[in-house]
Amino acid sequence: MKSSVRLLNHIIKIMNLQQSLIIRDEQWNQSYEAYNFNINGYVFKSRLAKKTTKKKGYFLSLWEKDKTKKNRAFDYESFPGKLIVHVMDDSQVGQFIFPKHVLFHKGILRNHASKGKMAFRVYPTWEKDLNRVAHKTQEWQKQYFIDMSQTIDVPSIKRAYFNED
């Protein structure tokens, strides 16, 4: 079983929602454990971010194939409500829960005016000594990050997963 699915199952069990979880693997991006999941009608897209050796932070891909089999960023209109990015690095574990409007505002999702991005980096709060650009990215990302390394704050996760913001 994928490590991100194990983490998700653990979180869902703690929230007592395991009866309502539906997981569907995506066709592409499997090296990032790409899948969609549904909890009580809320739809999420999921990725596992990977630690990179040459740069700080964690990397993930977020693309689909168009009709001509060319890679492209996901479209804002068809994207689920939230993207869950799992970060698992030995004893450090956390999730970014990004609402789709934030991904749109940051130029990650495609629309009529922007081609979007097919990959990006995330910087959990435990990442220190970042360069200026990475630090600026971490600053906007940190409000969407929940560190689960010590404990899982169920009320915070429920708010992040299920509140519209």
C-alpha atoms as a PDB file:
ATOM      1  CA  MET A   1       0.000   0.000   0.000  1.00  0.00           C
ATOM      2  CA  LYS A   2       1.225   3.495  -0.822  1.00  0.00           C
ATOM      3  CA  SER A   3       2.686   5.382   2.142  1.00  0.00           C
ATOM      4  CA  SER A   4       0.444   8.394   1.489  1.00  0.00           C
ATOM      5  CA  VAL A   5      -2.638   6.133   1.463  1.00  0.00           C
ATOM      6  CA  ARG A   6      -1.566   4.624   4.807  1.00  0.00           C
ATOM      7  CA  LEU A   7      -1.261   8.139   6.240  1.00  0.00           C
ATOM      8  CA  LEU A   8      -4.615   9.167   4.791  1.00  0.00           C
ATOM      9  CA  ASN A   9      -6.299   6.018   6.148  1.00  0.00           C
ATOM     10  CA  HIS A  10      -4.846   6.753   9.592  1.00  0.00           C
ATOM     11  CA  ILE A  11      -6.146  10.334   9.522  1.00  0.00           C
ATOM     12  CA  ILE A  12      -9.574   9.247   8.273  1.00  0.00           C
ATOM     13  CA  LYS A  13      -9.778   6.605  11.023  1.00  0.00           C
ATOM     14  CA  ILE A  14      -8.954   9.191  13.699  1.00  0.00           C
ATOM     15  CA  MET A  15     -11.710  11.424  12.275  1.00  0.00           C
ATOM     16  CA  ASN A  16     -14.048   8.382  12.342  1.00  0.00           C
ATOM     17  CA  LEU A  17     -14.827   8.739   8.620  1.00  0.00           C
ATOM     18  CA  GLN A  18     -13.373   5.469   7.277  1.00  0.00           C
ATOM     19  CA  GLN A  19     -16.773   4.238   6.056  1.00  0.00           C
ATOM     20  CA  SER A  20     -17.040   7.158   3.642  1.00  0.00           C
ATOM     21  CA  LEU A  21     -13.578   7.111   2.003  1.00  0.00           C
ATOM     22  CA  ILE A  22     -13.309   6.298  -1.718  1.00  0.00           C
ATOM     23  CA  ILE A  23      -9.854   6.292  -3.370  1.00  0.00           C
ATOM     24  CA  ARG A  24      -9.171   6.198  -7.124  1.00  0.00           C
ATOM     25  CA  ASP A  25      -5.647   6.026  -8.549  1.00  0.00           C
ATOM     26  CA  GLU A  26      -4.764   8.462 -11.301  1.00  0.00           C
ATOM     27  CA  GLN A  27      -3.388   7.197 -14.585  1.00  0.00           C
ATOM     28  CA  TRP A  28      -0.299   9.440 -14.501  1.00  0.00           C
ATOM     29  CA  ASN A  29       2.126  10.716 -11.857  1.00  0.00           C
ATOM     30  CA  GLN A  30       2.234   7.372 -10.053  1.00  0.00           C
ATOM     31  CA  SER A  31       5.769   8.015  -8.794  1.00  0.00           C
ATOM     32  CA  TYR A  32       4.130  10.784  -6.727  1.00  0.00           C
ATOM     33  CA  GLU A  33       1.425   8.379  -5.485  1.00  0.00           C
ATOM     34  CA  ALA A  34      -1.206  10.264  -7.473  1.00  0.00           C
ATOM     35  CA  TYR A  35      -4.819   9.558  -6.602  1.00  0.00           C
ATOM     36  CA  ASN A  36      -8.140  11.258  -6.052  1.00  0.00           C
ATOM     37  CA  PHE A  37     -10.277  10.603  -3.032  1.00  0.00           C
ATOM     38  CA  ASN A  38     -13.775  11.378  -1.871  1.00  0.00           C
ATOM     39  CA  ILE A  39     -15.001  11.748   1.708  1.00  0.00           C
ATOM     40  CA  ASN A  40     -18.728  12.337   2.173  1.00  0.00           C
ATOM     41  CA  GLY A  41     -18.992  14.121  -1.174  1.00  0.00           C
ATOM     42  CA  TYR A  42     -15.847  16.244  -0.745  1.00  0.00           C
ATOM     43  CA  VAL A  43     -13.404  15.517  -3.580  1.00  0.00           C
ATOM     44  CA  PHE A  44      -9.628  15.858  -3.210  1.00  0.00           C
ATOM     45  CA  LYS A  45      -6.578  15.344  -5.397  1.00  0.00           C
ATOM     46  CA  SER A  46      -3.528  13.891  -3.655  1.00  0.00           C
ATOM     47  CA  ARG A  47       0.224  13.802  -4.192  1.00  0.00           C
ATOM     48  CA  LEU A  48       3.251  12.629  -2.230  1.00  0.00           C
ATOM     49  CA  ALA A  49       5.992  15.264  -2.341  1.00  0.00           C
ATOM     50  CA  LYS A  50       9.533  13.944  -2.725  1.00  0.00           C
ATOM     51  CA  LYS A  51      12.633  15.233  -1.000  1.00  0.00           C
ATOM     52  CA  THR A  52      15.287  16.365  -3.443  1.00  0.00           C
ATOM     53  CA  THR A  53      19.023  16.075  -2.873  1.00  0.00           C
ATOM     54  CA  LYS A  54      20.229  19.239  -4.581  1.00  0.00           C
ATOM     55  CA  LYS A  55      17.650  21.763  -3.346  1.00  0.00           C
ATOM     56  CA  LYS A  56      15.758  22.270  -0.127  1.00  0.00           C
ATOM     57  CA  GLY A  57      12.092  21.480  -0.064  1.00  0.00           C
ATOM     58  CA  TYR A  58      10.001  18.740  -1.591  1.00  0.00           C
ATOM     59  CA  PHE A  59       8.937  18.369  -5.208  1.00  0.00           C
ATOM     60  CA  LEU A  60       5.698  17.148  -6.765  1.00  0.00           C
ATOM     61  CA  SER A  61       4.245  16.883 -10.231  1.00  0.00           C
ATOM     62  CA  LEU A  62       0.694  17.930 -10.999  1.00  0.00           C
ATOM     63  CA  TRP A  63      -0.225  17.395 -14.640  1.00  0.00           C
ATOM     64  CA  GLU A  64      -2.573  15.557 -16.946  1.00  0.00           C
ATOM     65  CA  LYS A  65      -2.460  14.556 -20.618  1.00  0.00           C
ATOM     66  CA  ASP A  66      -4.482  16.466 -23.188  1.00  0.00           C
ATOM     67  CA  LYS A  67      -6.250  14.855 -26.166  1.00  0.00           C
ATOM     68  CA  THR A  68      -2.980  14.763 -28.114  1.00  0.00           C
ATOM     69  CA  LYS A  69      -1.182  13.023 -25.192  1.00  0.00           C
ATOM     70  CA  LYS A  70       0.794  16.161 -24.341  1.00  0.00           C
ATOM     71  CA  ASN A  71       1.408  16.979 -20.677  1.00  0.00           C
ATOM     72  CA  ARG A  72      -0.332  20.068 -19.339  1.00  0.00           C
ATOM     73  CA  ALA A  73      -1.193  21.636 -15.997  1.00  0.00           C
ATOM     74  CA  PHE A  74      -4.593  20.825 -14.537  1.00  0.00           C
ATOM     75  CA  ASP A  75      -7.462  23.139 -15.414  1.00  0.00           C
ATOM     76  CA  TYR A  76      -8.990  25.277 -12.655  1.00  0.00           C
ATOM     77  CA  GLU A  77     -12.588  24.536 -13.640  1.00  0.00           C
ATOM     78  CA  SER A  78     -12.271  20.745 -13.516  1.00  0.00           C
ATOM     79  CA  PHE A  79      -9.892  20.539 -10.538  1.00  0.00           C
ATOM     80  CA  PRO A  80     -11.312  19.183  -7.242  1.00  0.00           C
ATOM     81  CA  GLY A  81     -11.843  21.536  -4.327  1.00  0.00           C
ATOM     82  CA  LYS A  82      -8.528  20.822  -2.616  1.00  0.00           C
ATOM     83  CA  LEU A  83      -5.079  19.357  -3.210  1.00  0.00           C
ATOM     84  CA  ILE A  84      -3.589  17.321  -0.362  1.00  0.00           C
ATOM     85  CA  VAL A  85       0.208  17.125  -0.505  1.00  0.00           C
ATOM     86  CA  HIS A  86       1.688  14.512   1.826  1.00  0.00           C
ATOM     87  CA  VAL A  87       5.227  15.122   3.085  1.00  0.00           C
ATOM     88  CA  MET A  88       6.893  12.156   4.768  1.00  0.00           C
ATOM     89  CA  ASP A  89      10.568  12.387   5.677  1.00  0.00           C
ATOM     90  CA  ASP A  90      11.614   9.889   8.354  1.00  0.00           C
ATOM     91  CA  SER A  91      10.035  11.187  11.583  1.00  0.00           C
ATOM     92  CA  GLN A  92       8.792  14.393   9.967  1.00  0.00           C
ATOM     93  CA  VAL A  93       5.278  14.070   8.584  1.00  0.00           C
ATOM     94  CA  GLY A  94       2.751  16.641   7.466  1.00  0.00           C
ATOM     95  CA  GLN A  95       0.195  17.672   4.904  1.00  0.00           C
ATOM     96  CA  PHE A  96      -0.389  20.754   2.844  1.00  0.00           C
ATOM     97  CA  ILE A  97      -4.111  21.245   2.217  1.00  0.00           C
ATOM     98  CA  PHE A  98      -4.348  23.732  -0.656  1.00  0.00           C
ATOM     99  CA  PRO A  99      -7.757  25.048  -1.757  1.00  0.00           C
ATOM    100  CA  LYS A 100      -7.977  25.196  -5.530  1.00  0.00           C
ATOM    101  CA  HIS A 101      -8.494  28.974  -5.527  1.00  0.00           C
ATOM    102  CA  VAL A 102      -5.057  29.350  -3.894  1.00  0.00           C
ATOM    103  CA  LEU A 103      -3.455  27.135  -6.547  1.00  0.00           C
ATOM    104  CA  PHE A 104      -5.164  29.275  -9.178  1.00  0.00           C
ATOM    105  CA  HIS A 105      -4.004  32.530  -7.562  1.00  0.00           C
ATOM    106  CA  LYS A 106      -0.415  31.210  -7.397  1.00  0.00           C
ATOM    107  CA  GLY A 107      -0.445  30.305 -11.102  1.00  0.00           C
ATOM    108  CA  ILE A 108      -0.352  26.541 -10.576  1.00  0.00           C
ATOM    109  CA  LEU A 109      -3.709  25.705 -12.183  1.00  0.00           C
ATOM    110  CA  ARG A 110      -4.334  26.411 -15.863  1.00  0.00           C
ATOM    111  CA  ASN A 111      -7.067  28.727 -17.154  1.00  0.00           C
ATOM    112  CA  HIS A 112      -7.803  30.738 -20.292  1.00  0.00           C
ATOM    113  CA  ALA A 113      -5.160  33.332 -19.350  1.00  0.00           C
ATOM    114  CA  SER A 114      -2.426  31.122 -17.861  1.00  0.00           C
ATOM    115  CA  LYS A 115      -0.816  27.804 -18.807  1.00  0.00           C
ATOM    116  CA  GLY A 116      -0.304  26.892 -15.138  1.00  0.00           C
ATOM    117  CA  LYS A 117       2.542  24.778 -13.747  1.00  0.00           C
ATOM    118  CA  MET A 118       3.068  21.045 -14.098  1.00  0.00           C
ATOM    119  CA  ALA A 119       5.214  20.785 -10.966  1.00  0.00           C
ATOM    120  CA  PHE A 120       6.184  22.815  -7.928  1.00  0.00           C
ATOM    121  CA  ARG A 121       8.000  22.692  -4.592  1.00  0.00           C
ATOM    122  CA  VAL A 122       6.604  22.751  -1.093  1.00  0.00           C
ATOM    123  CA  TYR A 123       8.454  23.874   2.006  1.00  0.00           C
ATOM    124  CA  PRO A 124       7.174  22.489   5.331  1.00  0.00           C
ATOM    125  CA  THR A 125       7.734  24.581   8.431  1.00  0.00           C
ATOM    126  CA  TRP A 126      10.631  22.344   9.508  1.00  0.00           C
ATOM    127  CA  GLU A 127      12.662  23.444   6.452  1.00  0.00           C
ATOM    128  CA  LYS A 128      15.163  26.091   7.602  1.00  0.00           C
ATOM    129  CA  ASP A 129      17.910  28.211   6.028  1.00  0.00           C
ATOM    130  CA  LEU A 130      16.046  28.684   2.765  1.00  0.00           C
ATOM    131  CA  ASN A 131      17.085  31.042  -0.003  1.00  0.00           C
ATOM    132  CA  ARG A 132      15.010  34.184  -0.544  1.00  0.00           C
ATOM    133  CA  VAL A 133      12.643  32.702  -3.149  1.00  0.00           C
ATOM    134  CA  ALA A 134      12.098  29.470  -1.201  1.00  0.00           C
ATOM    135  CA  HIS A 135      11.474  31.437   2.006  1.00  0.00           C
ATOM    136  CA  LYS A 136       8.905  33.621   0.234  1.00  0.00           C
ATOM    137  CA  THR A 137       7.166  30.479  -1.045  1.00  0.00           C
ATOM    138  CA  GLN A 138       7.237  28.908   2.423  1.00  0.00           C
ATOM    139  CA  GLU A 139       5.629  32.053   3.839  1.00  0.00           C
ATOM    140  CA  TRP A 140       2.489  31.742   1.711  1.00  0.00           C
ATOM    141  CA  GLN A 141       2.414  27.933   1.989  1.00  0.00           C
ATOM    142  CA  LYS A 142       2.704  27.656   5.772  1.00  0.00           C
ATOM    143  CA  GLN A 143      -0.903  28.634   6.462  1.00  0.00           C
ATOM    144  CA  TYR A 144      -1.951  25.514   4.524  1.00  0.00           C
ATOM    145  CA  PHE A 145       0.473  23.150   6.299  1.00  0.00           C
ATOM    146  CA  ILE A 146      -0.296  20.873   9.230  1.00  0.00           C
ATOM    147  CA  ASP A 147       2.710  19.270  10.933  1.00  0.00           C
ATOM    148  CA  MET A 148       1.793  15.748  12.089  1.00  0.00           C
ATOM    149  CA  SER A 149       5.256  14.747  13.281  1.00  0.00           C
ATOM    150  CA  GLN A 150       4.322  14.719  16.978  1.00  0.00           C
ATOM    151  CA  THR A 151       0.515  14.642  17.102  1.00  0.00           C
ATOM    152  CA  ILE A 152      -2.410  14.848  14.725  1.00  0.00           C
ATOM    153  CA  ASP A 153      -4.587  17.867  15.473  1.00  0.00           C
ATOM    154  CA  VAL A 154      -7.963  16.471  14.382  1.00  0.00           C
ATOM    155  CA  PRO A 155      -9.948  19.739  14.633  1.00  0.00           C
ATOM    156  CA  SER A 156      -7.365  21.545  12.459  1.00  0.00           C
ATOM    157  CA  ILE A 157      -7.412  18.773   9.873  1.00  0.00           C
ATOM    158  CA  LYS A 158     -11.220  18.703   9.765  1.00  0.00           C
ATOM    159  CA  ARG A 159     -11.289  22.477   9.254  1.00  0.00           C
ATOM    160  CA  ALA A 160      -8.648  22.304   6.523  1.00  0.00           C
ATOM    161  CA  TYR A 161     -10.311  19.389   4.719  1.00  0.00           C
ATOM    162  CA  PHE A 162     -13.963  20.380   4.964  1.00  0.00           C
ATOM    163  CA  ASN A 163     -14.256  24.148   5.379  1.00  0.00           C
ATOM    164  CA  GLU A 164     -14.719  26.254   2.305  1.00  0.00           C
ATOM    165  CA  ASP A 165     -12.195  29.090   2.312  1.00  0.00           C
END
